[in-house]
Amino acid sequence: MNTDLSICQEALNRDPVLYLDLTEAIRRGEGQLIAAMPRGALVSFRNYEKDGQELGFTMFADDLETAKRLLAMLPPQPDFLTVHEDFYLDELEKRFGFDRLNPCWQVGYLRTMAPAAPDCEAEIRRLELSHLPTVVEHYAENGVDDGYLSGLIEQGELYGAFDGGTLMAFIGRHAEGSMGLLEVLPQYRRRGLGRLLQSRLIDLELSRGRVPYGQVFDGNEASLALQQSLGMTRSMGRLYWAVRND
């Protein structure tokens, strides 16, 4: 066992974009490396700790034996886990009752200059709690609860495109560090607001010394096309968001 990612760097280098949620968490100090082996690693996300207990994780494993060793290090009821292989998904369901195993592509911005923002008449600013009902109305169907969204607003991690006092679209940074939560309200679509918000968030992440990354659900071709047009690189393999039954 090791606590240095260098021991599994060769494995991570096979598909660097796929593992950005794991490697960036360590590099940014937003994650804690629990264990690393030549064929696997397990990382906890600091922003998912509750009462001193770690509840959010990411891991990869090249074989079932390694996967079982790493899974044995998790608490009995983790809130969520991202994994980068599909051969132990049945093990996740059996051990933890994860009922939503969402396949995603990981996308990462590997350039040093942010994409050019479209010429949209909109003001970008942080959301306030007064905007929570609108965010919940248009995003809660994605399985994200009100408390999580209000927490992101309080931490200054949700941004909106405004026309005066009217919120037209929003985007944010998830608690584990990925970009996401992009939503353009129906009456304001086809104005370039999604591209505007994401290009601005990429620029902000770059200014903070981060590699911007996010996930796109498998089959969401419109979102993948947007990512590609912004200069994001798609992972070769897929990862899976596992969310535990309540």
C-alpha atoms as a PDB file:
ATOM      1  CA  MET A   1       0.000   0.000   0.000  1.00  0.00           C
ATOM      2  CA  ASN A   2       1.171   3.515  -0.749  1.00  0.00           C
ATOM      3  CA  THR A   3      -0.089   7.055  -0.209  1.00  0.00           C
ATOM      4  CA  ASP A   4       1.573   8.523  -3.302  1.00  0.00           C
ATOM      5  CA  LEU A   5      -0.164   8.514  -6.702  1.00  0.00           C
ATOM      6  CA  SER A   6       3.184   8.032  -8.413  1.00  0.00           C
ATOM      7  CA  ILE A   7       2.938   4.300  -7.727  1.00  0.00           C
ATOM      8  CA  CYS A   8      -0.028   4.070 -10.130  1.00  0.00           C
ATOM      9  CA  GLN A   9       0.938   6.885 -12.494  1.00  0.00           C
ATOM     10  CA  GLU A  10       1.571   4.510 -15.373  1.00  0.00           C
ATOM     11  CA  ALA A  11      -2.008   3.261 -15.146  1.00  0.00           C
ATOM     12  CA  LEU A  12      -3.405   6.795 -14.850  1.00  0.00           C
ATOM     13  CA  ASN A  13      -1.456   7.940 -17.903  1.00  0.00           C
ATOM     14  CA  ARG A  14      -3.370   5.553 -20.168  1.00  0.00           C
ATOM     15  CA  ASP A  15      -6.377   7.879 -20.174  1.00  0.00           C
ATOM     16  CA  PRO A  16      -5.487  11.076 -18.259  1.00  0.00           C
ATOM     17  CA  VAL A  17      -8.819  12.816 -18.915  1.00  0.00           C
ATOM     18  CA  LEU A  18     -10.777   9.855 -17.536  1.00  0.00           C
ATOM     19  CA  TYR A  19      -9.016  10.162 -14.180  1.00  0.00           C
ATOM     20  CA  LEU A  20      -9.090  13.961 -13.826  1.00  0.00           C
ATOM     21  CA  ASP A  21     -11.653  13.803 -11.008  1.00  0.00           C
ATOM     22  CA  LEU A  22      -9.137  11.737  -9.035  1.00  0.00           C
ATOM     23  CA  THR A  23      -5.847  13.405  -9.969  1.00  0.00           C
ATOM     24  CA  GLU A  24      -7.170  16.984  -9.788  1.00  0.00           C
ATOM     25  CA  ALA A  25      -8.696  16.369  -6.360  1.00  0.00           C
ATOM     26  CA  ILE A  26      -5.241  15.474  -5.056  1.00  0.00           C
ATOM     27  CA  ARG A  27      -3.418  18.210  -6.946  1.00  0.00           C
ATOM     28  CA  ARG A  28      -5.824  20.916  -5.762  1.00  0.00           C
ATOM     29  CA  GLY A  29      -5.901  19.690  -2.182  1.00  0.00           C
ATOM     30  CA  GLU A  30      -9.647  19.024  -2.472  1.00  0.00           C
ATOM     31  CA  GLY A  31      -9.173  15.306  -2.015  1.00  0.00           C
ATOM     32  CA  GLN A  32      -7.306  13.007   0.319  1.00  0.00           C
ATOM     33  CA  LEU A  33      -5.523   9.932  -0.965  1.00  0.00           C
ATOM     34  CA  ILE A  34      -6.634   6.977   1.109  1.00  0.00           C
ATOM     35  CA  ALA A  35      -4.666   4.312  -0.732  1.00  0.00           C
ATOM     36  CA  ALA A  36      -2.681   3.812  -3.919  1.00  0.00           C
ATOM     37  CA  MET A  37      -1.466   0.593  -5.504  1.00  0.00           C
ATOM     38  CA  PRO A  38       0.113  -0.113  -8.889  1.00  0.00           C
ATOM     39  CA  ARG A  39      -3.330  -1.140 -10.206  1.00  0.00           C
ATOM     40  CA  GLY A  40      -5.682   1.133  -8.288  1.00  0.00           C
ATOM     41  CA  ALA A  41      -6.290   4.099  -6.008  1.00  0.00           C
ATOM     42  CA  LEU A  42      -8.982   5.468  -3.677  1.00  0.00           C
ATOM     43  CA  VAL A  43      -9.499   9.172  -2.927  1.00  0.00           C
ATOM     44  CA  SER A  44     -11.990  10.893  -0.615  1.00  0.00           C
ATOM     45  CA  PHE A  45     -13.412  14.349  -1.321  1.00  0.00           C
ATOM     46  CA  ARG A  46     -12.913  16.780   1.560  1.00  0.00           C
ATOM     47  CA  ASN A  47     -16.124  18.700   0.842  1.00  0.00           C
ATOM     48  CA  TYR A  48     -18.180  15.553   1.380  1.00  0.00           C
ATOM     49  CA  GLU A  49     -17.115  15.010   4.978  1.00  0.00           C
ATOM     50  CA  LYS A  50     -19.870  15.098   7.594  1.00  0.00           C
ATOM     51  CA  ASP A  51     -19.262  14.935  11.327  1.00  0.00           C
ATOM     52  CA  GLY A  52     -15.681  13.942  10.588  1.00  0.00           C
ATOM     53  CA  GLN A  53     -16.709  11.016   8.367  1.00  0.00           C
ATOM     54  CA  GLU A  54     -15.766  10.802   4.700  1.00  0.00           C
ATOM     55  CA  LEU A  55     -18.825  10.178   2.505  1.00  0.00           C
ATOM     56  CA  GLY A  56     -17.759  10.963  -1.085  1.00  0.00           C
ATOM     57  CA  PHE A  57     -15.086   9.082  -3.012  1.00  0.00           C
ATOM     58  CA  THR A  58     -13.502   8.351  -6.372  1.00  0.00           C
ATOM     59  CA  MET A  59     -11.497   5.268  -7.281  1.00  0.00           C
ATOM     60  CA  PHE A  60     -10.088   3.181 -10.067  1.00  0.00           C
ATOM     61  CA  ALA A  61      -9.066  -0.456 -10.141  1.00  0.00           C
ATOM     62  CA  ASP A  62      -7.601  -2.586 -12.900  1.00  0.00           C
ATOM     63  CA  ASP A  63      -8.758  -5.937 -11.523  1.00  0.00           C
ATOM     64  CA  LEU A  64     -11.429  -7.314  -9.220  1.00  0.00           C
ATOM     65  CA  GLU A  65      -9.016  -8.156  -6.396  1.00  0.00           C
ATOM     66  CA  THR A  66      -7.768  -4.561  -6.278  1.00  0.00           C
ATOM     67  CA  ALA A  67     -11.342  -3.253  -6.491  1.00  0.00           C
ATOM     68  CA  LYS A  68     -12.428  -5.393  -3.536  1.00  0.00           C
ATOM     69  CA  ARG A  69      -9.445  -4.270  -1.454  1.00  0.00           C
ATOM     70  CA  LEU A  70     -10.289  -0.617  -2.084  1.00  0.00           C
ATOM     71  CA  LEU A  71     -14.035  -1.034  -1.572  1.00  0.00           C
ATOM     72  CA  ALA A  72     -13.341  -2.632   1.806  1.00  0.00           C
ATOM     73  CA  MET A  73     -11.844   0.705   2.913  1.00  0.00           C
ATOM     74  CA  LEU A  74     -15.119   2.586   2.382  1.00  0.00           C
ATOM     75  CA  PRO A  75     -17.554   3.342   5.217  1.00  0.00           C
ATOM     76  CA  PRO A  76     -20.733   1.221   5.389  1.00  0.00           C
ATOM     77  CA  GLN A  77     -22.900   3.939   3.834  1.00  0.00           C
ATOM     78  CA  PRO A  78     -21.005   6.328   1.549  1.00  0.00           C
ATOM     79  CA  ASP A  79     -23.108   9.012  -0.127  1.00  0.00           C
ATOM     80  CA  PHE A  80     -21.570   8.579  -3.548  1.00  0.00           C
ATOM     81  CA  LEU A  81     -18.654   7.115  -5.417  1.00  0.00           C
ATOM     82  CA  THR A  82     -17.284   7.667  -8.893  1.00  0.00           C
ATOM     83  CA  VAL A  83     -15.606   4.639 -10.434  1.00  0.00           C
ATOM     84  CA  HIS A  84     -13.800   4.281 -13.733  1.00  0.00           C
ATOM     85  CA  GLU A  85     -14.519   0.667 -14.630  1.00  0.00           C
ATOM     86  CA  ASP A  86     -17.711  -1.340 -15.080  1.00  0.00           C
ATOM     87  CA  PHE A  87     -16.621  -4.844 -14.062  1.00  0.00           C
ATOM     88  CA  TYR A  88     -17.300  -4.273 -10.341  1.00  0.00           C
ATOM     89  CA  LEU A  89     -20.585  -2.361 -10.581  1.00  0.00           C
ATOM     90  CA  ASP A  90     -22.467  -5.435  -9.344  1.00  0.00           C
ATOM     91  CA  GLU A  91     -20.169  -5.467  -6.325  1.00  0.00           C
ATOM     92  CA  LEU A  92     -21.092  -1.837  -5.591  1.00  0.00           C
ATOM     93  CA  GLU A  93     -24.807  -2.602  -5.653  1.00  0.00           C
ATOM     94  CA  LYS A  94     -24.363  -5.658  -3.460  1.00  0.00           C
ATOM     95  CA  ARG A  95     -22.185  -3.965  -0.846  1.00  0.00           C
ATOM     96  CA  PHE A  96     -23.688  -0.496  -0.633  1.00  0.00           C
ATOM     97  CA  GLY A  97     -27.122  -0.477  -2.262  1.00  0.00           C
ATOM     98  CA  PHE A  98     -26.100   1.997  -4.948  1.00  0.00           C
ATOM     99  CA  ASP A  99     -29.142   2.136  -7.193  1.00  0.00           C
ATOM    100  CA  ARG A 100     -28.125   4.810  -9.672  1.00  0.00           C
ATOM    101  CA  LEU A 101     -25.066   3.897 -11.706  1.00  0.00           C
ATOM    102  CA  ASN A 102     -24.893   6.658 -14.282  1.00  0.00           C
ATOM    103  CA  PRO A 103     -22.375   6.187 -17.122  1.00  0.00           C
ATOM    104  CA  CYS A 104     -20.614   9.428 -18.045  1.00  0.00           C
ATOM    105  CA  TRP A 105     -17.867  10.700 -20.264  1.00  0.00           C
ATOM    106  CA  GLN A 106     -15.290  12.848 -18.552  1.00  0.00           C
ATOM    107  CA  VAL A 107     -14.205  15.998 -20.385  1.00  0.00           C
ATOM    108  CA  GLY A 108     -11.190  18.129 -19.575  1.00  0.00           C
ATOM    109  CA  TYR A 109      -9.810  21.411 -20.822  1.00  0.00           C
ATOM    110  CA  LEU A 110      -6.139  20.761 -21.517  1.00  0.00           C
ATOM    111  CA  ARG A 111      -5.304  24.128 -23.073  1.00  0.00           C
ATOM    112  CA  THR A 112      -3.787  27.131 -21.306  1.00  0.00           C
ATOM    113  CA  MET A 113      -5.983  29.843 -22.866  1.00  0.00           C
ATOM    114  CA  ALA A 114      -9.706  29.903 -22.239  1.00  0.00           C
ATOM    115  CA  PRO A 115     -12.094  29.655 -25.211  1.00  0.00           C
ATOM    116  CA  ALA A 116     -13.413  32.903 -26.600  1.00  0.00           C
ATOM    117  CA  ALA A 117     -16.712  33.881 -25.007  1.00  0.00           C
ATOM    118  CA  PRO A 118     -19.629  34.578 -27.361  1.00  0.00           C
ATOM    119  CA  ASP A 119     -20.916  38.110 -27.642  1.00  0.00           C
ATOM    120  CA  CYS A 120     -24.016  37.844 -25.456  1.00  0.00           C
ATOM    121  CA  GLU A 121     -25.785  40.641 -23.673  1.00  0.00           C
ATOM    122  CA  ALA A 122     -25.711  39.166 -20.193  1.00  0.00           C
ATOM    123  CA  GLU A 123     -24.141  39.964 -16.860  1.00  0.00           C
ATOM    124  CA  ILE A 124     -22.387  37.092 -15.083  1.00  0.00           C
ATOM    125  CA  ARG A 125     -22.500  37.108 -11.304  1.00  0.00           C
ATOM    126  CA  ARG A 126     -22.735  34.753  -8.347  1.00  0.00           C
ATOM    127  CA  LEU A 127     -26.151  33.499  -7.368  1.00  0.00           C
ATOM    128  CA  GLU A 128     -27.753  34.353  -4.039  1.00  0.00           C
ATOM    129  CA  LEU A 129     -30.090  32.263  -1.918  1.00  0.00           C
ATOM    130  CA  SER A 130     -33.009  34.233  -3.337  1.00  0.00           C
ATOM    131  CA  HIS A 131     -32.317  32.402  -6.628  1.00  0.00           C
ATOM    132  CA  LEU A 132     -32.557  28.948  -5.041  1.00  0.00           C
ATOM    133  CA  PRO A 133     -36.228  28.312  -5.992  1.00  0.00           C
ATOM    134  CA  THR A 134     -35.419  28.912  -9.671  1.00  0.00           C
ATOM    135  CA  VAL A 135     -32.376  26.639  -9.529  1.00  0.00           C
ATOM    136  CA  VAL A 136     -34.348  23.899  -7.774  1.00  0.00           C
ATOM    137  CA  GLU A 137     -37.222  24.193 -10.251  1.00  0.00           C
ATOM    138  CA  HIS A 138     -34.955  23.712 -13.243  1.00  0.00           C
ATOM    139  CA  TYR A 139     -32.318  21.343 -11.850  1.00  0.00           C
ATOM    140  CA  ALA A 140     -33.776  19.230  -9.017  1.00  0.00           C
ATOM    141  CA  GLU A 141     -34.978  16.597 -11.511  1.00  0.00           C
ATOM    142  CA  ASN A 142     -31.316  15.647 -11.947  1.00  0.00           C
ATOM    143  CA  GLY A 143     -31.378  14.037  -8.499  1.00  0.00           C
ATOM    144  CA  VAL A 144     -29.697  16.943  -6.680  1.00  0.00           C
ATOM    145  CA  ASP A 145     -31.375  17.967  -3.445  1.00  0.00           C
ATOM    146  CA  ASP A 146     -32.182  21.484  -2.232  1.00  0.00           C
ATOM    147  CA  GLY A 147     -29.652  21.382   0.591  1.00  0.00           C
ATOM    148  CA  TYR A 148     -26.809  20.573  -1.760  1.00  0.00           C
ATOM    149  CA  LEU A 149     -27.748  23.390  -4.129  1.00  0.00           C
ATOM    150  CA  SER A 150     -28.169  25.933  -1.333  1.00  0.00           C
ATOM    151  CA  GLY A 151     -24.767  24.903   0.014  1.00  0.00           C
ATOM    152  CA  LEU A 152     -23.139  25.595  -3.343  1.00  0.00           C
ATOM    153  CA  ILE A 153     -24.774  29.021  -3.474  1.00  0.00           C
ATOM    154  CA  GLU A 154     -23.557  29.843   0.033  1.00  0.00           C
ATOM    155  CA  GLN A 155     -20.028  28.788  -0.966  1.00  0.00           C
ATOM    156  CA  GLY A 156     -20.137  31.058  -4.034  1.00  0.00           C
ATOM    157  CA  GLU A 157     -19.941  28.141  -6.467  1.00  0.00           C
ATOM    158  CA  LEU A 158     -23.032  28.883  -8.594  1.00  0.00           C
ATOM    159  CA  TYR A 159     -23.021  31.597 -11.259  1.00  0.00           C
ATOM    160  CA  GLY A 160     -25.819  33.023 -13.327  1.00  0.00           C
ATOM    161  CA  ALA A 161     -26.305  34.922 -16.574  1.00  0.00           C
ATOM    162  CA  PHE A 162     -28.622  37.850 -15.880  1.00  0.00           C
ATOM    163  CA  ASP A 163     -30.619  40.366 -17.856  1.00  0.00           C
ATOM    164  CA  GLY A 164     -30.981  43.034 -15.207  1.00  0.00           C
ATOM    165  CA  GLY A 165     -32.529  41.174 -12.283  1.00  0.00           C
ATOM    166  CA  THR A 166     -33.745  38.252 -14.387  1.00  0.00           C
ATOM    167  CA  LEU A 167     -31.855  34.962 -14.121  1.00  0.00           C
ATOM    168  CA  MET A 168     -31.633  33.401 -17.593  1.00  0.00           C
ATOM    169  CA  ALA A 169     -29.125  30.568 -17.090  1.00  0.00           C
ATOM    170  CA  PHE A 170     -26.772  29.163 -14.473  1.00  0.00           C
ATOM    171  CA  ILE A 171     -23.697  26.998 -14.073  1.00  0.00           C
ATOM    172  CA  GLY A 172     -21.636  25.850 -11.126  1.00  0.00           C
ATOM    173  CA  ARG A 173     -18.858  23.896  -9.613  1.00  0.00           C
ATOM    174  CA  HIS A 174     -19.772  20.697  -7.808  1.00  0.00           C
ATOM    175  CA  ALA A 175     -18.537  20.057  -4.281  1.00  0.00           C
ATOM    176  CA  GLU A 176     -15.877  17.613  -5.510  1.00  0.00           C
ATOM    177  CA  GLY A 177     -14.500  20.158  -8.005  1.00  0.00           C
ATOM    178  CA  SER A 178     -16.079  19.340 -11.367  1.00  0.00           C
ATOM    179  CA  MET A 179     -17.851  21.896 -13.536  1.00  0.00           C
ATOM    180  CA  GLY A 180     -21.539  21.232 -14.097  1.00  0.00           C
ATOM    181  CA  LEU A 181     -25.096  22.239 -13.215  1.00  0.00           C
ATOM    182  CA  LEU A 182     -25.377  24.041 -16.551  1.00  0.00           C
ATOM    183  CA  GLU A 183     -28.972  24.957 -17.290  1.00  0.00           C
ATOM    184  CA  VAL A 184     -30.477  27.546 -19.596  1.00  0.00           C
ATOM    185  CA  LEU A 185     -34.077  28.390 -18.795  1.00  0.00           C
ATOM    186  CA  PRO A 186     -36.298  27.346 -21.735  1.00  0.00           C
ATOM    187  CA  GLN A 187     -37.358  30.834 -22.809  1.00  0.00           C
ATOM    188  CA  TYR A 188     -33.717  31.980 -23.075  1.00  0.00           C
ATOM    189  CA  ARG A 189     -32.250  29.138 -25.109  1.00  0.00           C
ATOM    190  CA  ARG A 190     -30.432  29.488 -28.427  1.00  0.00           C
ATOM    191  CA  ARG A 191     -28.789  32.746 -27.366  1.00  0.00           C
ATOM    192  CA  GLY A 192     -25.350  31.316 -26.613  1.00  0.00           C
ATOM    193  CA  LEU A 193     -25.802  31.610 -22.848  1.00  0.00           C
ATOM    194  CA  GLY A 194     -24.607  28.082 -22.104  1.00  0.00           C
ATOM    195  CA  ARG A 195     -21.443  28.649 -24.096  1.00  0.00           C
ATOM    196  CA  LEU A 196     -20.951  32.014 -22.397  1.00  0.00           C
ATOM    197  CA  LEU A 197     -21.245  30.589 -18.891  1.00  0.00           C
ATOM    198  CA  GLN A 198     -19.000  27.611 -19.504  1.00  0.00           C
ATOM    199  CA  SER A 199     -16.295  29.619 -21.247  1.00  0.00           C
ATOM    200  CA  ARG A 200     -16.276  32.064 -18.316  1.00  0.00           C
ATOM    201  CA  LEU A 201     -16.076  29.240 -15.779  1.00  0.00           C
ATOM    202  CA  ILE A 202     -13.217  27.610 -17.703  1.00  0.00           C
ATOM    203  CA  ASP A 203     -11.404  30.939 -17.643  1.00  0.00           C
ATOM    204  CA  LEU A 204     -11.972  31.234 -13.890  1.00  0.00           C
ATOM    205  CA  GLU A 205     -10.705  27.715 -13.232  1.00  0.00           C
ATOM    206  CA  LEU A 206      -7.596  28.327 -15.326  1.00  0.00           C
ATOM    207  CA  SER A 207      -6.896  31.553 -13.436  1.00  0.00           C
ATOM    208  CA  ARG A 208      -6.891  29.490 -10.236  1.00  0.00           C
ATOM    209  CA  GLY A 209      -4.333  27.056 -11.622  1.00  0.00           C
ATOM    210  CA  ARG A 210      -6.825  24.232 -12.117  1.00  0.00           C
ATOM    211  CA  VAL A 211      -7.489  21.888 -15.007  1.00  0.00           C
ATOM    212  CA  PRO A 212     -11.196  22.458 -15.751  1.00  0.00           C
ATOM    213  CA  TYR A 213     -13.148  19.220 -16.052  1.00  0.00           C
ATOM    214  CA  GLY A 214     -16.666  17.864 -15.889  1.00  0.00           C
ATOM    215  CA  GLN A 215     -18.875  14.923 -16.796  1.00  0.00           C
ATOM    216  CA  VAL A 216     -21.486  14.406 -19.490  1.00  0.00           C
ATOM    217  CA  PHE A 217     -24.061  11.632 -19.296  1.00  0.00           C
ATOM    218  CA  ASP A 218     -23.593   9.001 -21.959  1.00  0.00           C
ATOM    219  CA  GLY A 219     -26.053   9.698 -24.766  1.00  0.00           C
ATOM    220  CA  ASN A 220     -26.227  13.473 -24.248  1.00  0.00           C
ATOM    221  CA  GLU A 221     -24.903  14.275 -27.692  1.00  0.00           C
ATOM    222  CA  ALA A 222     -25.877  17.956 -27.533  1.00  0.00           C
ATOM    223  CA  SER A 223     -23.751  18.499 -24.430  1.00  0.00           C
ATOM    224  CA  LEU A 224     -20.842  16.523 -25.875  1.00  0.00           C
ATOM    225  CA  ALA A 225     -20.983  18.681 -28.995  1.00  0.00           C
ATOM    226  CA  LEU A 226     -20.858  21.830 -26.832  1.00  0.00           C
ATOM    227  CA  GLN A 227     -17.851  20.495 -24.928  1.00  0.00           C
ATOM    228  CA  GLN A 228     -16.014  19.675 -28.137  1.00  0.00           C
ATOM    229  CA  SER A 229     -16.743  23.098 -29.614  1.00  0.00           C
ATOM    230  CA  LEU A 230     -15.286  24.729 -26.494  1.00  0.00           C
ATOM    231  CA  GLY A 231     -12.051  22.767 -26.843  1.00  0.00           C
ATOM    232  CA  MET A 232     -12.722  20.161 -24.164  1.00  0.00           C
ATOM    233  CA  THR A 233     -11.131  16.736 -24.630  1.00  0.00           C
ATOM    234  CA  ARG A 234     -13.312  13.674 -24.034  1.00  0.00           C
ATOM    235  CA  SER A 235     -12.022  10.669 -22.128  1.00  0.00           C
ATOM    236  CA  MET A 236     -11.492   7.430 -24.020  1.00  0.00           C
ATOM    237  CA  GLY A 237     -13.333   5.406 -21.395  1.00  0.00           C
ATOM    238  CA  ARG A 238     -16.400   6.078 -19.277  1.00  0.00           C
ATOM    239  CA  LEU A 239     -16.797   6.621 -15.563  1.00  0.00           C
ATOM    240  CA  TYR A 240     -19.829   5.868 -13.408  1.00  0.00           C
ATOM    241  CA  TRP A 241     -21.569   7.947 -10.756  1.00  0.00           C
ATOM    242  CA  ALA A 242     -22.830   5.579  -8.079  1.00  0.00           C
ATOM    243  CA  VAL A 243     -25.425   6.994  -5.685  1.00  0.00           C
ATOM    244  CA  ARG A 244     -26.597   5.008  -2.682  1.00  0.00           C
ATOM    245  CA  ASN A 245     -30.213   4.134  -1.928  1.00  0.00           C
ATOM    246  CA  ASP A 246     -31.692   6.249   0.889  1.00  0.00           C
END
